[in-house]
C-alpha atoms as a PDB file:
ATOM      1  CA  MET A   1      92.653 127.394 145.335  1.00  0.00           C
ATOM      2  CA  SER A   2      90.084 129.284 145.776  1.00  0.00           C
ATOM      3  CA  ASP A   3      86.142 128.209 145.947  1.00  0.00           C
ATOM      4  CA  THR A   4      85.676 129.447 142.466  1.00  0.00           C
ATOM      5  CA  ALA A   5      89.028 128.463 140.708  1.00  0.00           C
ATOM      6  CA  ILE A   6      88.148 124.870 141.971  1.00  0.00           C
ATOM      7  CA  ASP A   7      84.023 124.956 140.721  1.00  0.00           C
ATOM      8  CA  LYS A   8      85.642 126.316 137.438  1.00  0.00           C
ATOM      9  CA  SER A   9      88.382 123.599 137.022  1.00  0.00           C
ATOM     10  CA  GLY A  10      85.434 121.201 138.371  1.00  0.00           C
ATOM     11  CA  ALA A  11      82.996 122.289 135.397  1.00  0.00           C
ATOM     12  CA  ARG A  12      85.974 122.061 132.918  1.00  0.00           C
ATOM     13  CA  THR A  13      86.658 118.361 133.720  1.00  0.00           C
ATOM     14  CA  VAL A  14      82.918 117.561 133.365  1.00  0.00           C
ATOM     15  CA  THR A  15      82.717 119.341 129.955  1.00  0.00           C
ATOM     16  CA  ALA A  16      86.108 117.756 129.221  1.00  0.00           C
ATOM     17  CA  LEU A  17      84.653 114.158 129.741  1.00  0.00           C
ATOM     18  CA  ALA A  18      81.344 114.763 128.537  1.00  0.00           C
ATOM     19  CA  LEU A  19      83.257 115.859 124.937  1.00  0.00           C
ATOM     20  CA  MET A  20      84.914 112.872 125.092  1.00  0.00           C
ATOM     21  CA  GLY A  21      81.784 110.981 125.541  1.00  0.00           C
ATOM     22  CA  VAL A  22      80.348 112.292 122.722  1.00  0.00           C
ATOM     23  CA  VAL A  23      83.313 111.063 120.229  1.00  0.00           C
ATOM     24  CA  LEU A  24      82.823 107.750 121.963  1.00  0.00           C
ATOM     25  CA  LEU A  25      79.318 107.953 120.635  1.00  0.00           C
ATOM     26  CA  LEU A  26      79.709 108.714 117.406  1.00  0.00           C
ATOM     27  CA  ALA A  27      82.467 105.996 117.062  1.00  0.00           C
ATOM     28  CA  VAL A  28      80.339 103.543 118.209  1.00  0.00           C
ATOM     29  CA  VAL A  29      76.910 104.632 116.001  1.00  0.00           C
ATOM     30  CA  ALA A  30      79.676 104.598 112.560  1.00  0.00           C
ATOM     31  CA  ARG A  31      80.740 100.821 114.179  1.00  0.00           C
ATOM     32  CA  LEU A  32      77.115 100.166 113.850  1.00  0.00           C
ATOM     33  CA  PHE A  33      76.611 101.615 110.701  1.00  0.00           C
ATOM     34  CA  ILE A  34      79.586 100.581 108.623  1.00  0.00           C
ATOM     35  CA  GLY A  35      80.574  97.403 107.815  1.00  0.00           C
ATOM     36  CA  PRO A  36      82.914  95.566 105.535  1.00  0.00           C
ATOM     37  CA  ASN A  37      79.765  94.664 103.266  1.00  0.00           C
ATOM     38  CA  GLY A  38      78.108  98.238 103.002  1.00  0.00           C
ATOM     39  CA  ILE A  39      77.040 101.200 104.864  1.00  0.00           C
ATOM     40  CA  GLY A  40      73.819 101.852 106.618  1.00  0.00           C
ATOM     41  CA  TRP A  41      71.382  99.533 108.799  1.00  0.00           C
ATOM     42  CA  PRO A  42      71.442  96.278 107.409  1.00  0.00           C
ATOM     43  CA  ASP A  43      68.391  94.492 105.807  1.00  0.00           C
ATOM     44  CA  GLY A  44      66.817  91.671 104.289  1.00  0.00           C
ATOM     45  CA  GLU A  45      67.677  87.974 105.164  1.00  0.00           C
ATOM     46  CA  HIS A  46      70.897  88.471 106.564  1.00  0.00           C
ATOM     47  CA  ALA A  47      70.224  91.601 108.695  1.00  0.00           C
ATOM     48  CA  SER A  48      70.262  89.870 112.176  1.00  0.00           C
ATOM     49  CA  PHE A  49      73.589  87.974 111.358  1.00  0.00           C
ATOM     50  CA  ILE A  50      75.180  91.150 110.103  1.00  0.00           C
ATOM     51  CA  ILE A  51      74.059  93.354 113.122  1.00  0.00           C
ATOM     52  CA  GLU A  52      75.150  90.877 115.632  1.00  0.00           C
ATOM     53  CA  ASP A  53      78.651  91.032 113.903  1.00  0.00           C
ATOM     54  CA  ARG A  54      78.840  94.439 114.163  1.00  0.00           C
ATOM     55  CA  LEU A  55      77.441  94.421 117.872  1.00  0.00           C
ATOM     56  CA  MET A  56      79.958  91.852 118.856  1.00  0.00           C
ATOM     57  CA  ARG A  57      83.093  93.382 117.154  1.00  0.00           C
ATOM     58  CA  MET A  58      82.470  96.850 119.115  1.00  0.00           C
ATOM     59  CA  LEU A  59      81.509  95.221 122.467  1.00  0.00           C
ATOM     60  CA  ILE A  60      85.372  93.619 121.777  1.00  0.00           C
ATOM     61  CA  GLY A  61      86.614  96.860 120.615  1.00  0.00           C
ATOM     62  CA  LEU A  62      85.538  98.536 123.531  1.00  0.00           C
ATOM     63  CA  ILE A  63      86.559  96.434 126.128  1.00  0.00           C
ATOM     64  CA  VAL A  64      90.021  96.064 124.502  1.00  0.00           C
ATOM     65  CA  GLY A  65      90.305 100.105 124.625  1.00  0.00           C
ATOM     66  CA  VAL A  66      89.353  99.992 127.721  1.00  0.00           C
ATOM     67  CA  ALA A  67      91.648  97.268 128.940  1.00  0.00           C
ATOM     68  CA  LEU A  68      94.658  99.021 127.211  1.00  0.00           C
ATOM     69  CA  SER A  69      94.067 102.049 128.016  1.00  0.00           C
ATOM     70  CA  VAL A  70      93.239 101.970 131.869  1.00  0.00           C
ATOM     71  CA  SER A  71      96.317  99.688 131.801  1.00  0.00           C
ATOM     72  CA  GLY A  72      98.486 102.731 130.624  1.00  0.00           C
ATOM     73  CA  VAL A  73      97.442 104.844 132.985  1.00  0.00           C
ATOM     74  CA  SER A  74      98.227 101.939 135.870  1.00  0.00           C
ATOM     75  CA  LEU A  75     101.869 101.581 134.597  1.00  0.00           C
ATOM     76  CA  GLN A  76     102.899 105.198 134.144  1.00  0.00           C
ATOM     77  CA  THR A  77     101.977 105.516 137.872  1.00  0.00           C
ATOM     78  CA  LEU A  78     103.174 102.223 138.684  1.00  0.00           C
ATOM     79  CA  LEU A  79     106.605 102.872 136.924  1.00  0.00           C
ATOM     80  CA  ARG A  80     106.631 107.038 137.362  1.00  0.00           C
ATOM     81  CA  ASN A  81     107.488 107.034 133.846  1.00  0.00           C
ATOM     82  CA  PRO A  82     104.874 108.886 131.068  1.00  0.00           C
ATOM     83  CA  LEU A  83     106.092 106.550 128.340  1.00  0.00           C
ATOM     84  CA  ALA A  84     104.780 102.900 130.183  1.00  0.00           C
ATOM     85  CA  GLU A  85     102.761 101.355 127.898  1.00  0.00           C
ATOM     86  CA  PRO A  86     101.540  97.532 128.075  1.00  0.00           C
ATOM     87  CA  TYR A  87     103.136  97.134 124.173  1.00  0.00           C
ATOM     88  CA  ILE A  88     106.322  99.081 124.689  1.00  0.00           C
ATOM     89  CA  LEU A  89     106.978  97.408 128.076  1.00  0.00           C
ATOM     90  CA  GLY A  90     106.362  93.904 126.642  1.00  0.00           C
ATOM     91  CA  LEU A  91     103.567  92.994 128.694  1.00  0.00           C
ATOM     92  CA  SER A  92     101.277  92.611 125.231  1.00  0.00           C
ATOM     93  CA  THR A  93     103.636  90.598 123.504  1.00  0.00           C
ATOM     94  CA  GLY A  94     104.673  88.731 127.225  1.00  0.00           C
ATOM     95  CA  ALA A  95     100.998  87.455 127.092  1.00  0.00           C
ATOM     96  CA  GLY A  96     100.596  86.288 123.592  1.00  0.00           C
ATOM     97  CA  ALA A  97     104.322  84.183 124.610  1.00  0.00           C
ATOM     98  CA  GLY A  98     101.904  83.105 127.360  1.00  0.00           C
ATOM     99  CA  ILE A  99      98.847  81.919 125.945  1.00  0.00           C
ATOM    100  CA  MET A 100     101.241  80.232 122.866  1.00  0.00           C
ATOM    101  CA  VAL A 101     103.262  78.194 125.593  1.00  0.00           C
ATOM    102  CA  GLN A 102      99.607  77.283 127.501  1.00  0.00           C
ATOM    103  CA  SER A 103      98.575  76.133 124.084  1.00  0.00           C
ATOM    104  CA  TYR A 104     101.872  74.099 123.114  1.00  0.00           C
ATOM    105  CA  VAL A 105     101.669  72.619 126.383  1.00  0.00           C
ATOM    106  CA  TYR A 106      98.279  71.471 125.668  1.00  0.00           C
ATOM    107  CA  TYR A 107      99.397  70.129 122.352  1.00  0.00           C
ATOM    108  CA  LEU A 108     102.016  68.138 123.509  1.00  0.00           C
ATOM    109  CA  VAL A 109      99.818  66.590 126.611  1.00  0.00           C
ATOM    110  CA  LYS A 110      96.979  66.083 124.244  1.00  0.00           C
ATOM    111  CA  GLY A 111      98.025  65.781 120.807  1.00  0.00           C
ATOM    112  CA  ASP A 112      95.710  68.363 119.810  1.00  0.00           C
ATOM    113  CA  ILE A 113      95.980  72.519 119.177  1.00  0.00           C
ATOM    114  CA  ALA A 114      93.477  74.077 122.433  1.00  0.00           C
ATOM    115  CA  VAL A 115      90.368  75.086 121.842  1.00  0.00           C
ATOM    116  CA  GLY A 116      88.502  77.870 124.046  1.00  0.00           C
ATOM    117  CA  SER A 117      90.247  80.393 126.196  1.00  0.00           C
ATOM    118  CA  ASN A 118      93.915  80.729 127.252  1.00  0.00           C
ATOM    119  CA  ALA A 119      93.648  83.551 129.582  1.00  0.00           C
ATOM    120  CA  GLY A 120      95.679  81.877 132.094  1.00  0.00           C
ATOM    121  CA  GLY A 121      98.847  81.603 130.214  1.00  0.00           C
ATOM    122  CA  ALA A 122      97.998  85.128 129.093  1.00  0.00           C
ATOM    123  CA  VAL A 123      98.135  86.833 132.645  1.00  0.00           C
ATOM    124  CA  MET A 124     100.956  84.652 133.774  1.00  0.00           C
ATOM    125  CA  GLY A 125     102.914  85.587 130.640  1.00  0.00           C
ATOM    126  CA  ALA A 126     102.218  89.489 131.189  1.00  0.00           C
ATOM    127  CA  ALA A 127     102.874  89.075 135.001  1.00  0.00           C
ATOM    128  CA  VAL A 128     106.113  87.474 134.383  1.00  0.00           C
ATOM    129  CA  VAL A 129     107.334  90.499 131.832  1.00  0.00           C
ATOM    130  CA  MET A 130     105.930  92.724 134.260  1.00  0.00           C
ATOM    131  CA  LEU A 131     108.298  91.215 137.177  1.00  0.00           C
ATOM    132  CA  ILE A 132     111.404  91.404 134.953  1.00  0.00           C
ATOM    133  CA  VAL A 133     110.666  95.053 133.557  1.00  0.00           C
ATOM    134  CA  PHE A 134     110.172  96.674 137.527  1.00  0.00           C
ATOM    135  CA  MET A 135     113.504  94.445 138.887  1.00  0.00           C
ATOM    136  CA  ALA A 136     115.407  95.069 136.099  1.00  0.00           C
ATOM    137  CA  GLY A 137     114.530  98.910 135.492  1.00  0.00           C
ATOM    138  CA  ARG A 138     115.398  99.726 139.214  1.00  0.00           C
ATOM    139  CA  ARG A 139     119.233 100.908 140.189  1.00  0.00           C
ATOM    140  CA  ARG A 140     119.376 101.143 144.040  1.00  0.00           C
ATOM    141  CA  GLY A 141     116.118 101.254 144.585  1.00  0.00           C
ATOM    142  CA  VAL A 142     115.374 103.753 141.988  1.00  0.00           C
ATOM    143  CA  ILE A 143     113.513 103.113 138.854  1.00  0.00           C
ATOM    144  CA  ASP A 144     115.545 103.952 135.976  1.00  0.00           C
ATOM    145  CA  PRO A 145     113.099 105.350 133.132  1.00  0.00           C
ATOM    146  CA  LEU A 146     115.636 104.225 130.288  1.00  0.00           C
ATOM    147  CA  GLY A 147     116.262 101.184 131.495  1.00  0.00           C
ATOM    148  CA  LEU A 148     112.558 100.443 132.060  1.00  0.00           C
ATOM    149  CA  LEU A 149     112.014 100.793 127.664  1.00  0.00           C
ATOM    150  CA  LEU A 150     115.577  98.947 126.907  1.00  0.00           C
ATOM    151  CA  THR A 151     114.109  95.955 129.220  1.00  0.00           C
ATOM    152  CA  GLY A 152     110.793  96.225 127.632  1.00  0.00           C
ATOM    153  CA  VAL A 153     111.994  96.762 124.010  1.00  0.00           C
ATOM    154  CA  VAL A 154     114.364  93.305 124.633  1.00  0.00           C
ATOM    155  CA  LEU A 155     111.331  91.443 126.352  1.00  0.00           C
ATOM    156  CA  SER A 156     109.042  91.771 123.893  1.00  0.00           C
ATOM    157  CA  THR A 157     111.777  90.646 121.024  1.00  0.00           C
ATOM    158  CA  ILE A 158     112.144  87.777 122.712  1.00  0.00           C
ATOM    159  CA  CYS A 159     108.833  87.123 123.478  1.00  0.00           C
ATOM    160  CA  GLY A 160     108.203  87.370 120.117  1.00  0.00           C
ATOM    161  CA  ALA A 161     110.358  84.995 118.798  1.00  0.00           C
ATOM    162  CA  LEU A 162     109.111  82.689 121.126  1.00  0.00           C
ATOM    163  CA  ILE A 163     105.961  83.390 119.716  1.00  0.00           C
ATOM    164  CA  LEU A 164     107.088  82.285 116.234  1.00  0.00           C
ATOM    165  CA  MET A 165     109.329  79.627 117.653  1.00  0.00           C
ATOM    166  CA  LEU A 166     106.632  77.478 119.027  1.00  0.00           C
ATOM    167  CA  ASN A 167     104.161  78.014 116.169  1.00  0.00           C
ATOM    168  CA  TYR A 168     106.535  76.798 113.742  1.00  0.00           C
ATOM    169  CA  LEU A 169     107.248  73.758 116.199  1.00  0.00           C
ATOM    170  CA  VAL A 170     104.192  72.151 115.862  1.00  0.00           C
ATOM    171  CA  GLY A 171     104.271  71.752 112.169  1.00  0.00           C
ATOM    172  CA  PRO A 172     102.321  73.037 109.091  1.00  0.00           C
ATOM    173  CA  GLY A 173      99.884  75.123 110.166  1.00  0.00           C
ATOM    174  CA  GLY A 174     100.996  75.910 113.510  1.00  0.00           C
ATOM    175  CA  ILE A 175      99.280  76.578 116.842  1.00  0.00           C
ATOM    176  CA  ARG A 176      97.846  79.850 114.738  1.00  0.00           C
ATOM    177  CA  ASP A 177      97.287  79.610 110.693  1.00  0.00           C
ATOM    178  CA  ASP A 178      96.006  83.469 111.447  1.00  0.00           C
ATOM    179  CA  LEU A 179      99.399  84.532 113.325  1.00  0.00           C
ATOM    180  CA  SER A 180     100.572  87.497 111.466  1.00  0.00           C
ATOM    181  CA  ARG A 181      97.061  89.059 112.079  1.00  0.00           C
ATOM    182  CA  TRP A 182      96.690  87.813 115.226  1.00  0.00           C
ATOM    183  CA  MET A 183     100.286  89.648 116.212  1.00  0.00           C
ATOM    184  CA  MET A 184      99.513  92.669 114.648  1.00  0.00           C
ATOM    185  CA  GLY A 185      95.812  92.994 117.075  1.00  0.00           C
ATOM    186  CA  SER A 186      92.703  91.987 115.272  1.00  0.00           C
ATOM    187  CA  LEU A 187      89.202  92.204 116.418  1.00  0.00           C
ATOM    188  CA  GLN A 188      87.670  88.414 116.131  1.00  0.00           C
ATOM    189  CA  VAL A 189      83.694  87.343 116.779  1.00  0.00           C
ATOM    190  CA  PRO A 190      84.549  84.395 119.177  1.00  0.00           C
ATOM    191  CA  GLY A 191      82.560  81.263 119.060  1.00  0.00           C
ATOM    192  CA  LYS A 192      80.108  80.134 121.121  1.00  0.00           C
ATOM    193  CA  SER A 193      82.847  78.090 123.182  1.00  0.00           C
ATOM    194  CA  GLN A 194      84.784  81.210 123.015  1.00  0.00           C
ATOM    195  CA  MET A 195      82.092  83.893 124.495  1.00  0.00           C
ATOM    196  CA  MET A 196      83.100  83.224 128.284  1.00  0.00           C
ATOM    197  CA  SER A 197      86.292  85.209 127.509  1.00  0.00           C
ATOM    198  CA  VAL A 198      84.619  87.839 126.109  1.00  0.00           C
ATOM    199  CA  TRP A 199      82.498  88.364 129.195  1.00  0.00           C
ATOM    200  CA  SER A 200      85.371  87.212 131.905  1.00  0.00           C
ATOM    201  CA  VAL A 201      87.575  90.054 130.139  1.00  0.00           C
ATOM    202  CA  GLY A 202      84.880  92.468 130.190  1.00  0.00           C
ATOM    203  CA  LEU A 203      83.923  92.159 133.670  1.00  0.00           C
ATOM    204  CA  ALA A 204      87.528  92.270 134.991  1.00  0.00           C
ATOM    205  CA  THR A 205      88.409  95.462 132.967  1.00  0.00           C
ATOM    206  CA  ALA A 206      84.952  97.096 134.347  1.00  0.00           C
ATOM    207  CA  GLY A 207      86.544  96.058 137.913  1.00  0.00           C
ATOM    208  CA  GLY A 208      90.127  96.602 137.291  1.00  0.00           C
ATOM    209  CA  LEU A 209      89.078 100.054 136.498  1.00  0.00           C
ATOM    210  CA  GLY A 210      86.454 100.507 138.943  1.00  0.00           C
ATOM    211  CA  LEU A 211      89.288  99.595 141.812  1.00  0.00           C
ATOM    212  CA  LEU A 212      91.854 102.499 140.192  1.00  0.00           C
ATOM    213  CA  VAL A 213      89.365 104.968 140.283  1.00  0.00           C
ATOM    214  CA  TYR A 214      88.904 103.994 144.237  1.00  0.00           C
ATOM    215  CA  ALA A 215      92.225 104.225 144.534  1.00  0.00           C
ATOM    216  CA  SER A 216      92.665 107.547 142.638  1.00  0.00           C
ATOM    217  CA  ARG A 217      93.943 109.242 145.404  1.00  0.00           C
ATOM    218  CA  ALA A 218      96.224 107.361 146.449  1.00  0.00           C
ATOM    219  CA  MET A 219      97.372 107.137 142.944  1.00  0.00           C
ATOM    220  CA  ASP A 220      97.914 110.797 143.030  1.00  0.00           C
ATOM    221  CA  VAL A 221     100.345 110.913 146.043  1.00  0.00           C
ATOM    222  CA  ALA A 222     102.188 108.084 144.726  1.00  0.00           C
ATOM    223  CA  THR A 223     103.485 109.947 141.900  1.00  0.00           C
ATOM    224  CA  THR A 224     105.576 112.230 144.424  1.00  0.00           C
ATOM    225  CA  SER A 225     108.491 110.909 146.569  1.00  0.00           C
ATOM    226  CA  ASP A 226     108.135 108.001 148.476  1.00  0.00           C
ATOM    227  CA  ALA A 227     108.969 109.365 151.869  1.00  0.00           C
ATOM    228  CA  GLU A 228     106.211 112.168 150.993  1.00  0.00           C
ATOM    229  CA  ALA A 229     103.888 109.517 149.767  1.00  0.00           C
ATOM    230  CA  VAL A 230     104.340 107.739 152.902  1.00  0.00           C
ATOM    231  CA  SER A 231     104.456 110.830 154.905  1.00  0.00           C
ATOM    232  CA  LEU A 232     100.444 111.137 153.752  1.00  0.00           C
ATOM    233  CA  GLY A 233      99.715 107.555 154.497  1.00  0.00           C
ATOM    234  CA  VAL A 234      99.536 105.995 151.215  1.00  0.00           C
ATOM    235  CA  ASP A 235     100.824 102.327 151.731  1.00  0.00           C
ATOM    236  CA  LEU A 236     103.484 102.252 148.693  1.00  0.00           C
ATOM    237  CA  THR A 237     103.573  98.745 149.004  1.00  0.00           C
ATOM    238  CA  ARG A 238     100.597  97.831 148.544  1.00  0.00           C
ATOM    239  CA  LEU A 239      99.291 100.092 146.114  1.00  0.00           C
ATOM    240  CA  ARG A 240     102.012  99.030 143.620  1.00  0.00           C
ATOM    241  CA  GLY A 241     101.076  95.554 144.283  1.00  0.00           C
ATOM    242  CA  MET A 242      97.848  96.201 143.158  1.00  0.00           C
ATOM    243  CA  LEU A 243      98.644  98.377 140.116  1.00  0.00           C
ATOM    244  CA  PHE A 244     101.110  95.536 139.207  1.00  0.00           C
ATOM    245  CA  ALA A 245      97.843  93.036 139.382  1.00  0.00           C
ATOM    246  CA  VAL A 246      95.694  95.388 137.694  1.00  0.00           C
ATOM    247  CA  SER A 247      98.161  96.131 134.666  1.00  0.00           C
ATOM    248  CA  SER A 248      99.200  92.992 134.106  1.00  0.00           C
ATOM    249  CA  LEU A 249      95.328  91.423 134.198  1.00  0.00           C
ATOM    250  CA  LEU A 250      94.662  93.905 131.749  1.00  0.00           C
ATOM    251  CA  ALA A 251      97.160  93.807 129.475  1.00  0.00           C
ATOM    252  CA  ALA A 252      96.509  90.279 129.060  1.00  0.00           C
ATOM    253  CA  GLY A 253      92.786  90.001 128.781  1.00  0.00           C
ATOM    254  CA  ALA A 254      92.989  92.613 125.654  1.00  0.00           C
ATOM    255  CA  VAL A 255      95.482  90.157 124.217  1.00  0.00           C
ATOM    256  CA  VAL A 256      93.037  87.378 125.126  1.00  0.00           C
ATOM    257  CA  LEU A 257      90.123  88.797 123.091  1.00  0.00           C
ATOM    258  CA  ALA A 258      92.774  90.943 120.036  1.00  0.00           C
ATOM    259  CA  GLY A 259      96.199  89.867 120.325  1.00  0.00           C
ATOM    260  CA  PRO A 260      98.952  92.489 120.821  1.00  0.00           C
ATOM    261  CA  ILE A 261      97.729  96.024 119.918  1.00  0.00           C
ATOM    262  CA  ALA A 262     100.563  98.969 120.175  1.00  0.00           C
ATOM    263  CA  PHE A 263     100.255 102.427 121.938  1.00  0.00           C
ATOM    264  CA  VAL A 264      96.746 102.674 123.028  1.00  0.00           C
ATOM    265  CA  GLY A 265      97.697 102.598 126.566  1.00  0.00           C
ATOM    266  CA  LEU A 266      99.982 105.721 125.474  1.00  0.00           C
ATOM    267  CA  ILE A 267      98.130 107.562 122.964  1.00  0.00           C
ATOM    268  CA  CYS A 268      94.876 107.945 125.321  1.00  0.00           C
ATOM    269  CA  PRO A 269      96.158 108.336 128.840  1.00  0.00           C
ATOM    270  CA  HIS A 270      98.374 110.846 127.253  1.00  0.00           C
ATOM    271  CA  ILE A 271      95.697 113.022 125.726  1.00  0.00           C
ATOM    272  CA  ALA A 272      93.528 112.721 128.490  1.00  0.00           C
ATOM    273  CA  ARG A 273      96.717 114.112 130.766  1.00  0.00           C
ATOM    274  CA  LEU A 274      96.612 116.827 128.307  1.00  0.00           C
ATOM    275  CA  VAL A 275      92.778 117.825 128.178  1.00  0.00           C
ATOM    276  CA  LEU A 276      91.800 116.954 131.930  1.00  0.00           C
ATOM    277  CA  GLY A 277      95.170 117.268 133.969  1.00  0.00           C
ATOM    278  CA  PRO A 278      97.060 114.701 136.291  1.00  0.00           C
ATOM    279  CA  ARG A 279      94.648 113.951 138.555  1.00  0.00           C
ATOM    280  CA  HIS A 280      93.772 110.250 138.265  1.00  0.00           C
ATOM    281  CA  GLY A 281      90.163 109.949 138.967  1.00  0.00           C
ATOM    282  CA  PRO A 282      89.368 112.038 135.321  1.00  0.00           C
ATOM    283  CA  LEU A 283      92.420 110.785 133.990  1.00  0.00           C
ATOM    284  CA  LEU A 284      91.197 107.226 134.496  1.00  0.00           C
ATOM    285  CA  ILE A 285      87.708 107.517 132.934  1.00  0.00           C
ATOM    286  CA  GLY A 286      88.612 110.091 130.141  1.00  0.00           C
ATOM    287  CA  SER A 287      91.767 107.347 128.953  1.00  0.00           C
ATOM    288  CA  ALA A 288      88.845 104.762 129.367  1.00  0.00           C
ATOM    289  CA  VAL A 289      86.864 106.586 127.051  1.00  0.00           C
ATOM    290  CA  LEU A 290      89.447 107.476 124.413  1.00  0.00           C
ATOM    291  CA  GLY A 291      90.926 104.102 124.759  1.00  0.00           C
ATOM    292  CA  ALA A 292      87.352 102.567 123.683  1.00  0.00           C
ATOM    293  CA  ALA A 293      86.801 105.365 121.138  1.00  0.00           C
ATOM    294  CA  LEU A 294      90.040 104.695 119.325  1.00  0.00           C
ATOM    295  CA  VAL A 295      89.959 100.944 119.456  1.00  0.00           C
ATOM    296  CA  VAL A 296      86.338 101.268 117.699  1.00  0.00           C
ATOM    297  CA  THR A 297      87.274 103.387 115.009  1.00  0.00           C
ATOM    298  CA  ALA A 298      90.356 102.053 114.077  1.00  0.00           C
ATOM    299  CA  ASP A 299      88.287  98.905 113.736  1.00  0.00           C
ATOM    300  CA  THR A 300      85.823 100.692 111.482  1.00  0.00           C
ATOM    301  CA  THR A 301      88.324 102.526 109.337  1.00  0.00           C
ATOM    302  CA  SER A 302      89.490  98.887 108.610  1.00  0.00           C
ATOM    303  CA  ALA A 303      85.890  97.924 107.468  1.00  0.00           C
ATOM    304  CA  LEU A 304      85.839 101.084 104.999  1.00  0.00           C
ATOM    305  CA  LEU A 305      89.251  99.925 103.307  1.00  0.00           C
ATOM    306  CA  ASN A 306      87.793  96.630 102.770  1.00  0.00           C
ATOM    307  CA  LEU A 307      84.426  97.950 101.569  1.00  0.00           C
ATOM    308  CA  TRP A 308      86.229 100.964  99.449  1.00  0.00           C
ATOM    309  CA  LEU A 309      89.263  98.314  98.296  1.00  0.00           C
ATOM    310  CA  GLY A 310      87.965  95.138  98.940  1.00  0.00           C
ATOM    311  CA  ILE A 311      91.612  93.920 100.787  1.00  0.00           C
ATOM    312  CA  GLY A 312      90.365  92.302 103.733  1.00  0.00           C
ATOM    313  CA  LEU A 313      90.131  93.664 107.006  1.00  0.00           C
ATOM    314  CA  MET A 314      93.323  95.099 107.987  1.00  0.00           C
ATOM    315  CA  PRO A 315      94.618  94.430 111.791  1.00  0.00           C
ATOM    316  CA  ILE A 316      93.514  97.508 113.580  1.00  0.00           C
ATOM    317  CA  GLY A 317      97.201  97.288 115.713  1.00  0.00           C
ATOM    318  CA  VAL A 318      98.338  98.832 112.130  1.00  0.00           C
ATOM    319  CA  PHE A 319      96.331 101.794 112.591  1.00  0.00           C
ATOM    320  CA  THR A 320      97.371 102.292 116.432  1.00  0.00           C
ATOM    321  CA  ALA A 321     100.924 101.437 115.368  1.00  0.00           C
ATOM    322  CA  ILE A 322     100.648 104.487 112.714  1.00  0.00           C
ATOM    323  CA  VAL A 323      99.395 106.874 115.005  1.00  0.00           C
ATOM    324  CA  GLY A 324     101.124 106.142 118.082  1.00  0.00           C
ATOM    325  CA  GLY A 325     104.623 105.502 116.828  1.00  0.00           C
ATOM    326  CA  PRO A 326     105.162 108.877 115.683  1.00  0.00           C
ATOM    327  CA  ALA A 327     103.320 110.102 119.038  1.00  0.00           C
ATOM    328  CA  PHE A 328     105.564 108.155 120.950  1.00  0.00           C
ATOM    329  CA  LEU A 329     108.980 109.799 119.016  1.00  0.00           C
ATOM    330  CA  TRP A 330     107.242 112.929 119.901  1.00  0.00           C
ATOM    331  CA  MET A 331     107.200 112.416 123.538  1.00  0.00           C
ATOM    332  CA  LEU A 332     110.654 111.020 123.657  1.00  0.00           C
ATOM    333  CA  ARG A 333     112.395 113.765 121.428  1.00  0.00           C
ATOM    334  CA  PRO A 334     112.942 116.366 124.498  1.00  0.00           C
ATOM    335  CA  GLN A 335     115.518 113.424 126.208  1.00  0.00           C
ATOM    336  CA  LEU A 336     116.706 112.310 122.808  1.00  0.00           C
ATOM    337  CA  GLY A 337     120.704 112.515 123.218  1.00  0.00           C
ATOM    338  CA  ARG A 338     120.571 113.223 127.065  1.00  0.00           C
ATOM    339  CA  GLY A 339     120.905 109.767 128.335  1.00  0.00           C
ATOM    340  CA  GLN A 340     117.821 109.657 130.261  1.00  0.00           C
ATOM    341  CA  VAL A 341     113.760 109.461 129.364  1.00  0.00           C
END
């Protein structure tokens, strides 16, 4: 490729990322000026409380969007499957099941419902599901895309049933009285005792993104055959271990803050790949920006609907599923009926 072509390609990438940044900025500004109680910058005696609430919901939305979209890119590289995504593969529901198991054990030991972070259970649940999906999706050492999706769907169903069972075993009220909202993905402003979870997940998300960007060239090579990647000096075992850990950690972190949310890790990397191309450096950054914009926009839409219809804040997972479900079917369509994905 000539230097001129490289310069033009780099300029297009920078321009595309800048436009994505503008989209994110507009989403952030809209969220700050739109709330369930009104449109515009708050004033009056409750202004500081309203502003703090909007800022915190926006911050959590940014973290969750980045975590899910970056986890999606990591999974797609690890499994060499553009349809891989934390929710579809069961990682999000597995993290939710891990949270419920940790809470139930706490209940059995202490006789009360756990208060505070359940990050340990979430990470463990996501990692266990990721390991099962990875192992079950291999056929003679080769990853079977259809096997991955089917295994993920089955595990997601099992984990969902486990969540419901544990919630009912505790008795009236259950472990979570907002279980249906939480299972659809809902941004909640945490209490002071839970703020550490927000900052911890935020730092882990930033660290995970930075680590993946640092390894982006190796990720580019890893999309080729194993023999070619090894011949080019990539330690596939080490890279896959890192992708396994990062994708599980980020998916778990998103569930800790907002519950299981579907399709963010599918939609945003797909759009970013269409606009930016397959190189993982720009792809990771673009996916992170789009993921943050999508979750914040979904939360803003929920606030608008509550303002107009008075129905309460709808879980943001409703919006991502409405957008992501058809997108997933569209991406799956060329392979339907061929016995493979």
